Each structure stands twice: as C-alpha cells, then as structure tokens.
Amino acid sequence: MAKGKLDFLSKDEIERIHSTSLKVLAEVGVLVHSDRVSRMLIDAGASQSKDGKRILIPESVVKSSLSSASRSIILAGRNGVRDMKLPSPTRMYVSNGGEGTYIKDLLTGATRPSTTEDVRDFTVLIESLPQIDFLWGMVGALDQPANLKNLVEVRTNFAYTSKHIQGGASTAEEAREAIRVASVFTDGVDGLAKKPVMSSVCCPISPLTFEGGLAEAQVEFARVGVPIVAMSAAVAGLTSPVTIAGTLAQINAENLASLVITQAAEKGAPWIYSSDSCPGDLKTGSIDYGALEANLMRTGAGQMGRYYGLPVMCAGMGLENTSLELSTVRDGLPYMMVMALVPSDLGSGFGGLDQAAGASFEQMVVDAWVWDHAREFIREFDMDQGAIGFDVIKEAGVDGNFLGKRHTMTRFKKESIATSKPEAVFSGRQGKSERGALLKKAKKEAERILTERTKPAASKDELRAMDDIVESVRRP
C-alpha cells in the first residue's frame, strides 16, 4: 500500500539531531522548578549541575526511559465511540484547538471573553461533527473562580461528549481533580490505565524548562496511566535557535526529558512525542503558525518521534483566519492537504483563530468540512499487481480504450475521490462563489447544531457524581 507523506530529514540528519539532544541533556540539562520532581529524577539516575540549578540527564537514563515506554497505546472513547489505537499507520486522528480566551464572530468581527456556556457549546459542536475524533478544551471558562476553572471545564467536557478528551492541569491538585472526574467513567481510578478516557497535554517550557506545577501534574497523571502528551511549543528565533535544525534538536531534548519524567514516575506509563513548535515572527515577537516553514518543522519533529517508535502528535490542523477568504471547501484544500502530510498520529487546531488566541464556532465547522476532503489525500492506495493492471494495459494497447474495462469500473471510485466528493479538486470543475460564502454556511450549521443537540452525553448518575466532585472543591 502507498500513502501520501512528507519526509524532511535524512537518516543521517535524524541521527545527528538525536546525538545532539543527548549531549544537551547530559551537559546543559533542564530546569525543573519542583523539588519533588527533581528528587525523583535524581533517584532515577540524573544529577544536579555544579551550581545546583539544573538537572543533568545522562544517556543511560534516556535509553532506559525509551526502553520502558509503551510503543502502543489506546486513547479510549465512551458510549460506543471507537477507541484510537496509536501509532496509527493508516489515518490521522484530529481534534479542535485550544485554549483560546475569547470568542470571535468572523462575519461581524465581534469579540468577547469565553465562558462556561461556550465550553459547553464547543463540546456539543465537537460531539456532533464526525470529522473530529477527540476533544481539546477549546476555550477557557473565564467566568469561573481560579480554583474551579479547570475542574469545571473538565466536568463540562465529559458531560457533553463521549469522544476521548485531551485535557491538562497546571498543578498536582488540578490533576488529581481531573483524575477523579475521569474515573467516574471507568472502574474507579484504577480503571483509568485500562480505559484511558482522558489524556493530558503537559508542555515543557522552551527553552529546556519544566514549570513546577505542570511537572507535578504530569507525575500525577503518569502514575494512574493517563497518557502524557509532551507538547514542546518552541518559537524559533525567540525560545529556540532560529534554525530548523537547532529547534528540532532542542524540542527533541525537551521531549526526551519529558519522557524521562514520565517513566521515572511510572515505568511503562503511556507517553506521546509531541511538538507545536513553529517559526517566530521576529517583528512582533509572536509565534507564526502560518509560516511556510512551519510544516517542515512539524514534519521533522514527527520523524524524530517515529525514529523512537513512539506515538506522535505533531500535526497542526486548521485554517484560522484564512477562512475569511474562502468561497468553497475547495479553496481551503491546498492549505490543509499539506498539514495532512505531516507524519503524525494525532493533529489539533480546528476552530482556532489569531494564532490560537481565540476561537470561532463557524471556523470549527469550516475546518471540519475542509478536512473531510483533505484527509483523502493521505488515504492508502493499492500498489499490488492487480492495481498495476498489466493485463488491462495489454488489452488497451490493442483497442486503445480503458473506460469500458472491468479494471476501471471496479476501481475508479477509490482511485479518484472527486467522483464522490466533487469539491476535492483544486480547480477547473466549479463555478466561483462569493468570498466568505463558506463561513456564512458554516455559521448556519453551527447554529443549527447548537439549537438541536444540547442533550448531555453523560448519564444522570454520571452528571451527579461529577457535580459532587465540583461541589467538594467549591465548599471543602
């Protein structure tokens, strides 16, 4: 079988990045702003730098962690939603983006802070769109007090979707609260390892830093079998070297350090190699998700994860503000088809705006519609003798005709997707439409879904159990 893909790094270049990353960890080390996690790493074979500020991780500890890490993991769904088995050689599973702090109406430009109601509505929308496989927290519940914000978001996500939830926590206590909520849907906390209905994005902070609360949350999740996503988010030229090569070496070191933390917490704990790193806009000091080099950087990171034989999440999905220019699904295909070629099991980003700072309901629908066509670009194609069709070539060499042959009639729908999806073409087959027409259609669809489909996915007993957890934190 043949499948569309991008390759950026040669074998020698992969080895060079790997060896440099090991040198970085052994000689430069990482900052770990948690005494508890630092002691755990030292007990696992790491050491402190001479000034006592950094944790140095020798090659032997990295190799031991690579050896013990799970090569195959499951991200579980509920209520009949299919589990995602990783690595996934035949398809990429995709999610929305997160965590935005405001809602924008792309048609009017109106912007407002996000609320708990928005968390619910995005969850309902994600549950309803079959193109989206799992859920990120799209926006924050900014109307909640700080001590309840993350817990209420997790509770709302579990209440309104049966799809796998990829969340997070900024402290060990928040992690324990999220674990309590997730365990409502398994055989208690012990059941999470067998049925991980939640995974957690635990980001290293570039360059080479682990914030105390995040690191301690990562340890809590790892110890109960919640899969860890080590999403390095370096900004080339600002928080990592300006070169793609240097950034790949740094984020690879950050990922390996995250793996060491995870395996030191719990041998065999599920862990996913991840990067959301992109070039920086050196004029503004911001990340630049739209940079031409962004997908090359993502491809290189994905290749590094594949090199270790680990599950990978390096694809950034979504059209962001480009949707303002689109008249049809076809107009968005060139952008998202390139994103689809990144070697990754998982991708995220649908619904995001303004470099992921905000979110839009209609944008999420547009992204889902375009992905429904773009993902065909990475479907598998037969390359066996039957597909090659020597006999039909031989026959057509005599009569000059392929159209009426059985080989054509039985295979054309699989080989040319435009037969069933007319918009899955670049140009030449459709009339033009007005600029922004796709967003108008998407807004109507989002409004329809949010009007018709507001029933919780969780049962009454599950809702009651989650509410009890929230109340126990609200009134300790």
Protein backbone atom coordinates (compact mmCIF):
# COMPACT_ATOMS: atom_id res chain seq x y z
CA MET A 1 0.00 0.00 0.00
CA ALA A 2 1.17 3.53 -0.79
CA LYS A 3 0.25 6.62 1.25
CA GLY A 4 0.97 10.32 0.87
CA LYS A 5 3.54 11.64 3.33
CA LEU A 6 6.26 14.23 3.86
CA ASP A 7 9.87 13.37 4.64
CA PHE A 8 12.16 16.24 5.62
CA LEU A 9 15.13 14.69 7.44
CA SER A 10 17.55 12.11 6.10
CA LYS A 11 18.61 9.16 8.26
CA ASP A 12 21.96 10.83 8.99
CA GLU A 13 20.23 14.08 9.97
CA ILE A 14 17.90 12.23 12.34
CA GLU A 15 20.91 10.58 13.99
CA ARG A 16 22.67 13.96 14.28
CA ILE A 17 19.67 15.55 15.99
CA HIS A 18 19.34 12.56 18.32
CA SER A 19 23.01 12.63 19.38
CA THR A 20 22.93 16.41 19.87
CA SER A 21 19.82 16.10 22.04
CA LEU A 22 21.57 13.55 24.25
CA LYS A 23 24.52 15.93 24.59
CA VAL A 24 22.18 18.80 25.51
CA LEU A 25 20.53 16.73 28.26
CA ALA A 26 23.84 15.46 29.66
CA GLU A 27 25.82 18.72 29.53
CA VAL A 28 23.23 21.53 29.60
CA GLY A 29 20.38 19.75 31.35
CA VAL A 30 16.92 21.04 32.14
CA LEU A 31 15.47 23.45 34.68
CA VAL A 32 12.89 21.70 36.85
CA HIS A 33 11.03 24.12 39.14
CA SER A 34 9.86 21.39 41.51
CA ASP A 35 11.95 19.94 44.31
CA ARG A 36 9.73 16.87 44.34
CA VAL A 37 10.23 16.11 40.64
CA SER A 38 13.94 16.99 40.81
CA ARG A 39 14.47 14.48 43.63
CA MET A 40 12.55 11.86 41.66
CA LEU A 41 14.83 12.40 38.65
CA ILE A 42 17.98 12.20 40.76
CA ASP A 43 16.72 8.95 42.29
CA ALA A 44 16.26 7.69 38.71
CA GLY A 45 19.91 8.38 37.82
CA ALA A 46 20.05 12.07 36.90
CA SER A 47 22.32 14.55 38.70
CA GLN A 48 22.50 18.23 39.55
CA SER A 49 24.71 20.72 37.76
CA LYS A 50 27.59 22.24 39.74
CA ASP A 51 25.56 25.35 40.54
CA GLY A 52 22.65 23.14 41.66
CA LYS A 53 20.19 24.83 39.31
CA ARG A 54 19.83 22.27 36.53
CA ILE A 55 19.11 18.57 36.27
CA LEU A 56 21.59 16.71 34.06
CA ILE A 57 20.23 13.58 32.42
CA PRO A 58 22.81 11.04 31.22
CA GLU A 59 22.36 8.97 28.07
CA SER A 60 21.84 5.80 30.09
CA VAL A 61 18.74 7.24 31.78
CA VAL A 62 17.32 8.39 28.44
CA LYS A 63 17.89 4.95 26.92
CA SER A 64 16.27 3.25 29.90
CA SER A 65 13.22 5.51 29.57
CA LEU A 66 12.97 4.84 25.84
CA SER A 67 13.16 1.13 26.56
CA SER A 68 10.35 1.16 29.13
CA ALA A 69 7.95 3.48 27.28
CA SER A 70 4.83 1.95 25.75
CA ARG A 71 5.14 1.63 21.99
CA SER A 72 1.41 1.14 21.53
CA ILE A 73 -1.33 2.96 23.46
CA ILE A 74 -5.08 3.49 23.38
CA LEU A 75 -6.99 6.74 23.75
CA ALA A 76 -10.41 5.48 24.78
CA GLY A 77 -13.85 6.76 23.87
CA ARG A 78 -17.16 6.13 25.66
CA ASN A 79 -20.70 5.08 24.81
CA GLY A 80 -19.68 3.24 21.67
CA VAL A 81 -17.23 5.85 20.38
CA ARG A 82 -14.34 3.93 18.85
CA ASP A 83 -11.00 3.88 20.69
CA MET A 84 -7.99 5.41 18.94
CA LYS A 85 -5.10 2.96 18.72
CA LEU A 86 -1.66 4.57 18.40
CA PRO A 87 0.53 4.51 16.41
CA SER A 88 -1.99 4.75 13.58
CA PRO A 89 -0.34 3.87 10.25
CA THR A 90 -3.44 4.30 8.09
CA ARG A 91 -5.03 7.55 9.30
CA MET A 92 -4.54 10.70 11.34
CA TYR A 93 -6.92 11.42 14.22
CA VAL A 94 -7.77 15.11 14.58
CA SER A 95 -9.06 17.46 17.24
CA ASN A 96 -10.03 21.05 17.74
CA GLY A 97 -7.56 23.63 19.05
CA GLY A 98 -7.22 25.25 22.45
CA GLU A 99 -7.17 27.01 24.83
CA GLY A 100 -8.48 30.30 23.48
CA THR A 101 -9.51 33.12 25.76
CA TYR A 102 -12.13 34.77 23.57
CA ILE A 103 -14.90 34.05 21.07
CA LYS A 104 -14.94 35.83 17.73
CA ASP A 105 -17.74 36.06 15.20
CA LEU A 106 -15.80 36.01 11.95
CA LEU A 107 -18.64 37.56 9.97
CA THR A 108 -19.11 40.60 12.22
CA GLY A 109 -15.72 40.81 13.93
CA ALA A 110 -17.39 40.95 17.37
CA THR A 111 -15.20 39.55 20.16
CA ARG A 112 -15.97 38.64 23.78
CA PRO A 113 -14.35 36.65 26.63
CA SER A 114 -15.19 32.95 26.74
CA THR A 115 -17.45 31.47 29.43
CA THR A 116 -18.58 28.11 30.79
CA GLU A 117 -21.50 28.23 28.35
CA ASP A 118 -19.01 28.48 25.48
CA VAL A 119 -17.10 25.48 26.83
CA ARG A 120 -20.38 23.55 26.71
CA ASP A 121 -21.32 24.77 23.23
CA PHE A 122 -17.94 23.91 21.73
CA THR A 123 -18.14 20.47 23.34
CA VAL A 124 -21.60 19.91 21.83
CA LEU A 125 -20.31 21.03 18.43
CA ILE A 126 -17.29 18.70 18.63
CA GLU A 127 -19.52 15.80 19.67
CA SER A 128 -21.73 16.45 16.64
CA LEU A 129 -19.05 16.80 13.96
CA PRO A 130 -17.99 13.32 12.77
CA GLN A 131 -14.79 14.69 11.25
CA ILE A 132 -13.42 15.46 14.74
CA ASP A 133 -12.09 12.40 16.57
CA PHE A 134 -11.23 13.73 20.03
CA LEU A 135 -11.63 16.86 22.13
CA TRP A 136 -9.33 19.56 23.40
CA GLY A 137 -10.53 22.29 25.73
CA MET A 138 -11.34 24.84 23.01
CA VAL A 139 -11.73 27.86 25.29
CA GLY A 140 -11.47 28.68 28.97
CA ALA A 141 -14.31 29.09 31.44
CA LEU A 142 -13.20 32.58 32.37
CA ASP A 143 -16.35 33.25 34.39
CA GLN A 144 -15.27 30.66 36.99
CA PRO A 145 -13.06 31.33 40.04
CA ALA A 146 -9.44 30.26 39.57
CA ASN A 147 -9.72 27.26 41.89
CA LEU A 148 -12.66 25.84 39.90
CA LYS A 149 -11.87 26.85 36.32
CA ASN A 150 -10.02 23.72 35.17
CA LEU A 151 -12.33 21.37 37.08
CA VAL A 152 -15.48 22.94 35.63
CA GLU A 153 -14.01 22.74 32.13
CA VAL A 154 -13.20 19.04 32.54
CA ARG A 155 -16.63 18.33 34.02
CA THR A 156 -18.34 20.17 31.14
CA ASN A 157 -16.30 18.30 28.53
CA PHE A 158 -17.17 14.91 29.99
CA ALA A 159 -20.81 15.92 30.33
CA TYR A 160 -21.32 16.72 26.66
CA THR A 161 -19.07 14.39 24.66
CA SER A 162 -18.33 10.68 24.52
CA LYS A 163 -15.20 11.28 22.48
CA HIS A 164 -11.76 10.99 24.05
CA ILE A 165 -10.79 14.11 26.00
CA GLN A 166 -7.28 15.53 25.90
CA GLY A 167 -7.03 17.98 28.75
CA GLY A 168 -4.43 19.26 31.14
CA ALA A 169 -3.74 20.68 34.56
CA SER A 170 -1.42 23.36 35.90
CA THR A 171 -0.93 21.87 39.38
CA ALA A 172 -0.86 18.46 41.03
CA GLU A 173 -4.14 19.27 42.78
CA GLU A 174 -5.84 20.13 39.48
CA ALA A 175 -4.54 16.85 38.07
CA ARG A 176 -5.99 14.88 40.97
CA GLU A 177 -9.35 16.62 40.50
CA ALA A 178 -9.37 15.84 36.77
CA ILE A 179 -8.49 12.22 37.55
CA ARG A 180 -11.44 12.00 39.95
CA VAL A 181 -13.79 13.24 37.22
CA ALA A 182 -12.38 10.90 34.57
CA SER A 183 -12.63 7.93 36.93
CA VAL A 184 -16.40 8.41 37.07
CA PHE A 185 -16.41 6.84 33.59
CA THR A 186 -14.11 3.91 34.39
CA ASP A 187 -13.83 1.33 37.16
CA GLY A 188 -12.53 4.00 39.51
CA VAL A 189 -9.04 5.49 39.39
CA ASP A 190 -7.50 2.05 38.91
CA GLY A 191 -9.58 1.61 35.76
CA LEU A 192 -8.06 4.62 34.01
CA ALA A 193 -4.97 2.69 32.95
CA LYS A 194 -7.15 0.07 31.25
CA LYS A 195 -9.57 2.57 29.75
CA PRO A 196 -7.85 5.97 29.42
CA VAL A 197 -10.83 8.15 28.56
CA MET A 198 -8.60 11.17 29.12
CA SER A 199 -5.04 12.09 28.18
CA SER A 200 -3.10 15.15 29.28
CA VAL A 201 -1.05 17.74 27.41
CA CYS A 202 1.92 18.53 29.65
CA CYS A 203 4.09 21.12 27.92
CA PRO A 204 7.79 21.62 28.53
CA ILE A 205 8.52 25.35 28.56
CA SER A 206 11.13 26.27 25.96
CA PRO A 207 14.00 26.51 26.37
CA LEU A 208 14.55 23.31 28.38
CA THR A 209 12.35 24.16 31.37
CA PHE A 210 9.67 22.33 33.34
CA GLU A 211 7.39 24.59 35.37
CA GLY A 212 6.79 23.20 38.84
CA GLY A 213 3.02 22.82 38.80
CA LEU A 214 2.94 21.36 35.29
CA ALA A 215 5.69 18.86 36.09
CA GLU A 216 3.96 17.73 39.28
CA ALA A 217 0.66 17.39 37.39
CA GLN A 218 2.46 15.25 34.82
CA VAL A 219 3.67 12.92 37.56
CA GLU A 220 0.14 12.56 38.95
CA PHE A 221 -1.29 11.69 35.54
CA ALA A 222 1.51 9.25 34.70
CA ARG A 223 1.09 7.32 37.95
CA VAL A 224 -2.54 6.43 37.17
CA GLY A 225 -2.00 5.60 33.49
CA VAL A 226 -3.30 8.79 31.88
CA PRO A 227 -1.31 9.19 28.62
CA ILE A 228 1.05 12.19 28.58
CA VAL A 229 1.42 14.42 25.51
CA ALA A 230 4.79 16.20 25.74
CA MET A 231 3.93 19.17 23.55
CA SER A 232 7.02 21.32 23.13
CA ALA A 233 6.00 24.72 21.79
CA ALA A 234 9.30 26.36 20.93
CA VAL A 235 9.27 29.56 18.88
CA ALA A 236 12.26 29.51 16.55
CA GLY A 237 14.41 32.62 16.97
CA LEU A 238 12.76 33.50 20.29
CA THR A 239 12.72 30.47 22.60
CA SER A 240 14.79 28.12 20.44
CA PRO A 241 17.51 28.50 17.77
CA VAL A 242 16.36 30.35 14.65
CA THR A 243 17.35 27.37 12.50
CA ILE A 244 15.00 24.45 11.96
CA ALA A 245 17.87 22.08 12.78
CA GLY A 246 18.60 23.76 16.11
CA THR A 247 14.94 23.95 17.07
CA LEU A 248 14.45 20.26 16.27
CA ALA A 249 17.44 19.34 18.46
CA GLN A 250 16.07 21.41 21.36
CA ILE A 251 12.48 20.18 21.18
CA ASN A 252 13.76 16.63 20.85
CA ALA A 253 15.75 17.13 24.06
CA GLU A 254 12.64 18.58 25.74
CA ASN A 255 10.57 15.59 24.64
CA LEU A 256 13.16 13.11 25.86
CA ALA A 257 13.34 14.91 29.21
CA SER A 258 9.55 14.73 29.47
CA LEU A 259 9.73 11.02 28.70
CA VAL A 260 12.28 10.56 31.49
CA ILE A 261 9.98 12.36 33.96
CA THR A 262 7.05 10.17 32.91
CA GLN A 263 8.97 6.90 33.16
CA ALA A 264 10.56 7.92 36.47
CA ALA A 265 7.05 8.46 37.81
CA GLU A 266 5.72 5.15 36.46
CA LYS A 267 7.60 2.62 34.34
CA GLY A 268 5.69 1.82 31.19
CA ALA A 269 3.38 4.84 31.51
CA PRO A 270 1.86 5.83 28.14
CA TRP A 271 3.53 8.83 26.54
CA ILE A 272 3.21 10.66 23.20
CA TYR A 273 6.01 12.53 21.39
CA SER A 274 4.70 15.97 20.52
CA SER A 275 5.60 19.37 19.17
CA ASP A 276 3.63 22.50 18.35
CA SER A 277 6.82 24.40 17.59
CA CYS A 278 6.87 26.95 14.77
CA PRO A 279 8.99 29.82 13.47
CA GLY A 280 8.68 33.11 15.29
CA ASP A 281 7.61 36.42 13.80
CA LEU A 282 10.70 38.40 14.75
CA LYS A 283 8.92 41.68 14.01
CA THR A 284 6.22 41.15 16.63
CA GLY A 285 7.71 38.53 18.96
CA SER A 286 4.80 36.15 18.34
CA ILE A 287 4.60 32.57 17.13
CA ASP A 288 3.83 32.34 13.41
CA TYR A 289 1.66 29.30 12.71
CA GLY A 290 1.25 30.45 9.12
CA ALA A 291 4.96 30.50 8.29
CA LEU A 292 5.87 28.48 5.20
CA GLU A 293 8.47 26.58 7.22
CA ALA A 294 6.04 25.57 9.98
CA ASN A 295 5.01 22.27 8.42
CA LEU A 296 8.64 21.39 7.66
CA MET A 297 9.40 21.87 11.35
CA ARG A 298 6.40 19.74 12.28
CA THR A 299 7.49 17.07 9.80
CA GLY A 300 10.98 16.93 11.27
CA ALA A 301 9.55 16.57 14.77
CA GLY A 302 7.21 13.84 13.58
CA GLN A 303 10.13 11.98 12.04
CA MET A 304 12.01 12.12 15.34
CA GLY A 305 9.04 10.60 17.16
CA ARG A 306 8.80 7.88 14.51
CA TYR A 307 12.56 7.25 14.90
CA TYR A 308 11.93 6.23 18.51
CA GLY A 309 8.93 4.11 17.54
CA LEU A 310 6.60 6.17 19.74
CA PRO A 311 3.11 7.61 19.18
CA VAL A 312 3.34 11.08 17.66
CA MET A 313 1.30 14.29 17.83
CA CYS A 314 2.96 16.95 15.68
CA ALA A 315 0.36 17.99 13.09
CA GLY A 316 -1.19 21.43 13.36
CA MET A 317 -4.62 21.46 11.75
CA GLY A 318 -6.97 24.29 10.85
CA LEU A 319 -7.22 27.26 8.52
CA GLU A 320 -7.54 30.01 11.16
CA ASN A 321 -8.34 33.44 9.67
CA THR A 322 -7.74 32.19 6.12
CA SER A 323 -11.40 31.18 6.13
CA LEU A 324 -12.34 34.82 5.57
CA GLU A 325 -11.04 34.40 2.02
CA LEU A 326 -12.78 31.12 1.18
CA SER A 327 -15.83 30.77 -1.00
CA THR A 328 -15.90 26.95 -1.15
CA VAL A 329 -14.38 23.92 0.57
CA ARG A 330 -12.13 23.55 -2.45
CA ASP A 331 -10.42 26.88 -1.67
CA GLY A 332 -9.15 25.54 1.65
CA LEU A 333 -7.78 22.24 0.36
CA PRO A 334 -4.24 23.33 -0.59
CA TYR A 335 -3.59 24.57 2.95
CA MET A 336 -4.94 21.57 4.82
CA MET A 337 -3.61 18.93 2.44
CA VAL A 338 -0.06 19.97 3.33
CA MET A 339 -0.93 19.75 7.04
CA ALA A 340 -2.29 16.24 6.45
CA LEU A 341 1.06 15.03 5.08
CA VAL A 342 2.94 15.61 8.36
CA PRO A 343 3.97 12.20 9.83
CA SER A 344 1.73 12.20 12.88
CA ASP A 345 -0.88 10.01 14.56
CA LEU A 346 -2.72 12.99 16.02
CA GLY A 347 -3.35 16.58 14.98
CA SER A 348 -5.13 19.53 16.59
CA GLY A 349 -6.22 23.06 15.81
CA PHE A 350 -9.75 23.15 14.38
CA GLY A 351 -11.68 26.26 15.34
CA GLY A 352 -8.69 28.34 16.38
CA LEU A 353 -8.09 31.97 15.39
CA ASP A 354 -5.43 34.66 15.73
CA GLN A 355 -2.50 32.26 16.32
CA ALA A 356 -4.71 30.11 18.61
CA ALA A 357 -5.53 33.02 20.95
CA GLY A 358 -9.24 32.92 20.13
CA ALA A 359 -11.91 30.60 18.79
CA SER A 360 -14.90 30.63 16.47
CA PHE A 361 -17.86 28.27 16.12
CA GLU A 362 -18.16 28.81 12.38
CA GLN A 363 -14.41 28.38 11.95
CA MET A 364 -14.60 24.93 13.54
CA VAL A 365 -17.28 23.87 11.07
CA VAL A 366 -15.25 25.17 8.11
CA ASP A 367 -12.17 23.28 9.31
CA ALA A 368 -14.20 20.08 9.68
CA TRP A 369 -15.70 20.42 6.20
CA VAL A 370 -12.34 21.05 4.55
CA TRP A 371 -10.69 18.19 6.47
CA ASP A 372 -13.42 15.83 5.27
CA HIS A 373 -11.93 16.27 1.79
CA ALA A 374 -8.27 16.95 2.60
CA ARG A 375 -7.84 13.71 4.54
CA GLU A 376 -8.44 11.79 1.33
CA PHE A 377 -5.01 12.99 0.25
CA ILE A 378 -3.41 10.61 2.78
CA ARG A 379 -5.61 7.59 2.15
CA GLU A 380 -3.93 4.34 1.15
CA PHE A 381 -3.61 3.22 -2.47
CA ASP A 382 -3.17 -0.36 -3.66
CA MET A 383 0.17 -1.00 -5.36
CA ASP A 384 -0.12 -4.74 -5.94
CA GLN A 385 -0.16 -6.45 -9.34
CA GLY A 386 -3.94 -6.21 -9.51
CA ALA A 387 -3.79 -2.43 -9.12
CA ILE A 388 -0.97 -2.08 -11.64
CA GLY A 389 -3.12 -3.95 -14.16
CA PHE A 390 -0.67 -5.37 -16.66
CA ASP A 391 -3.46 -7.26 -18.43
CA VAL A 392 -5.62 -4.17 -18.91
CA ILE A 393 -2.63 -2.23 -20.22
CA LYS A 394 -2.04 -5.10 -22.64
CA GLU A 395 -5.68 -5.05 -23.79
CA ALA A 396 -5.78 -1.28 -24.15
CA GLY A 397 -2.59 -1.42 -26.13
CA VAL A 398 -4.68 -3.17 -28.79
CA ASP A 399 -8.05 -1.37 -28.62
CA GLY A 400 -6.91 1.98 -27.16
CA ASN A 401 -9.67 2.05 -24.53
CA PHE A 402 -9.58 1.90 -20.72
CA LEU A 403 -13.03 3.33 -19.98
CA GLY A 404 -15.05 0.18 -20.53
CA LYS A 405 -12.66 -2.21 -18.83
CA ARG A 406 -13.62 -4.05 -15.63
CA HIS A 407 -10.37 -2.82 -14.04
CA THR A 408 -11.62 0.76 -14.48
CA MET A 409 -15.22 0.13 -13.45
CA THR A 410 -14.31 -1.64 -10.20
CA ARG A 411 -11.59 0.76 -9.06
CA PHE A 412 -12.37 4.30 -10.23
CA LYS A 413 -14.27 5.41 -7.12
CA LYS A 414 -11.38 4.52 -4.82
CA GLU A 415 -8.70 5.97 -7.11
CA SER A 416 -10.39 9.32 -7.83
CA ILE A 417 -12.20 10.74 -4.84
CA ALA A 418 -13.70 13.62 -6.85
CA THR A 419 -16.22 11.09 -8.17
CA SER A 420 -17.94 11.05 -4.77
CA LYS A 421 -16.66 14.38 -3.41
CA PRO A 422 -16.79 16.91 -6.27
CA GLU A 423 -15.12 19.64 -4.22
CA ALA A 424 -12.00 17.50 -3.69
CA VAL A 425 -10.24 19.17 -6.62
CA PHE A 426 -8.01 22.21 -6.96
CA SER A 427 -9.60 23.98 -9.90
CA GLY A 428 -11.39 23.75 -13.17
CA ARG A 429 -14.64 21.98 -12.26
CA GLN A 430 -16.75 24.50 -10.39
CA GLY A 431 -18.07 27.99 -10.80
CA LYS A 432 -16.94 30.76 -8.48
CA SER A 433 -18.83 31.82 -5.40
CA GLU A 434 -18.66 34.92 -3.24
CA ARG A 435 -15.79 35.50 -0.85
CA GLY A 436 -16.70 34.38 2.67
CA ALA A 437 -19.65 32.29 1.47
CA LEU A 438 -18.32 29.19 3.20
CA LEU A 439 -18.28 30.94 6.58
CA LYS A 440 -21.90 32.00 6.17
CA LYS A 441 -22.95 28.40 5.52
CA ALA A 442 -20.82 27.22 8.44
CA LYS A 443 -22.37 29.72 10.84
CA LYS A 444 -25.86 28.48 9.97
CA GLU A 445 -24.75 24.88 10.51
CA ALA A 446 -23.19 25.68 13.89
CA GLU A 447 -26.35 27.49 14.99
CA ARG A 448 -28.49 24.54 13.85
CA ILE A 449 -26.40 22.04 15.82
CA LEU A 450 -26.41 24.15 18.98
CA THR A 451 -30.17 24.57 18.74
CA GLU A 452 -30.99 20.90 18.15
CA ARG A 453 -28.33 18.93 20.06
CA THR A 454 -27.92 20.05 23.66
CA LYS A 455 -28.59 16.76 25.45
CA PRO A 456 -25.68 15.64 27.68
CA ALA A 457 -23.69 12.57 26.65
CA ALA A 458 -23.24 11.59 30.30
CA SER A 459 -25.97 9.79 32.25
CA LYS A 460 -27.82 11.38 35.16
CA ASP A 461 -25.78 9.34 37.63
CA GLU A 462 -22.52 10.36 35.97
CA LEU A 463 -23.55 14.02 35.95
CA ARG A 464 -24.47 13.80 39.63
CA ALA A 465 -21.13 12.19 40.51
CA MET A 466 -19.20 14.91 38.67
CA ASP A 467 -21.24 17.67 40.29
CA ASP A 468 -20.48 16.19 43.71
CA ILE A 469 -16.76 16.45 42.92
CA VAL A 470 -17.11 20.08 41.85
CA GLU A 471 -19.06 20.92 45.00
CA SER A 472 -16.47 19.21 47.20
CA VAL A 473 -13.87 21.60 45.80
CA ARG A 474 -16.18 24.61 45.88
CA ARG A 475 -17.01 24.01 49.56
CA PRO A 476 -14.12 21.99 51.03
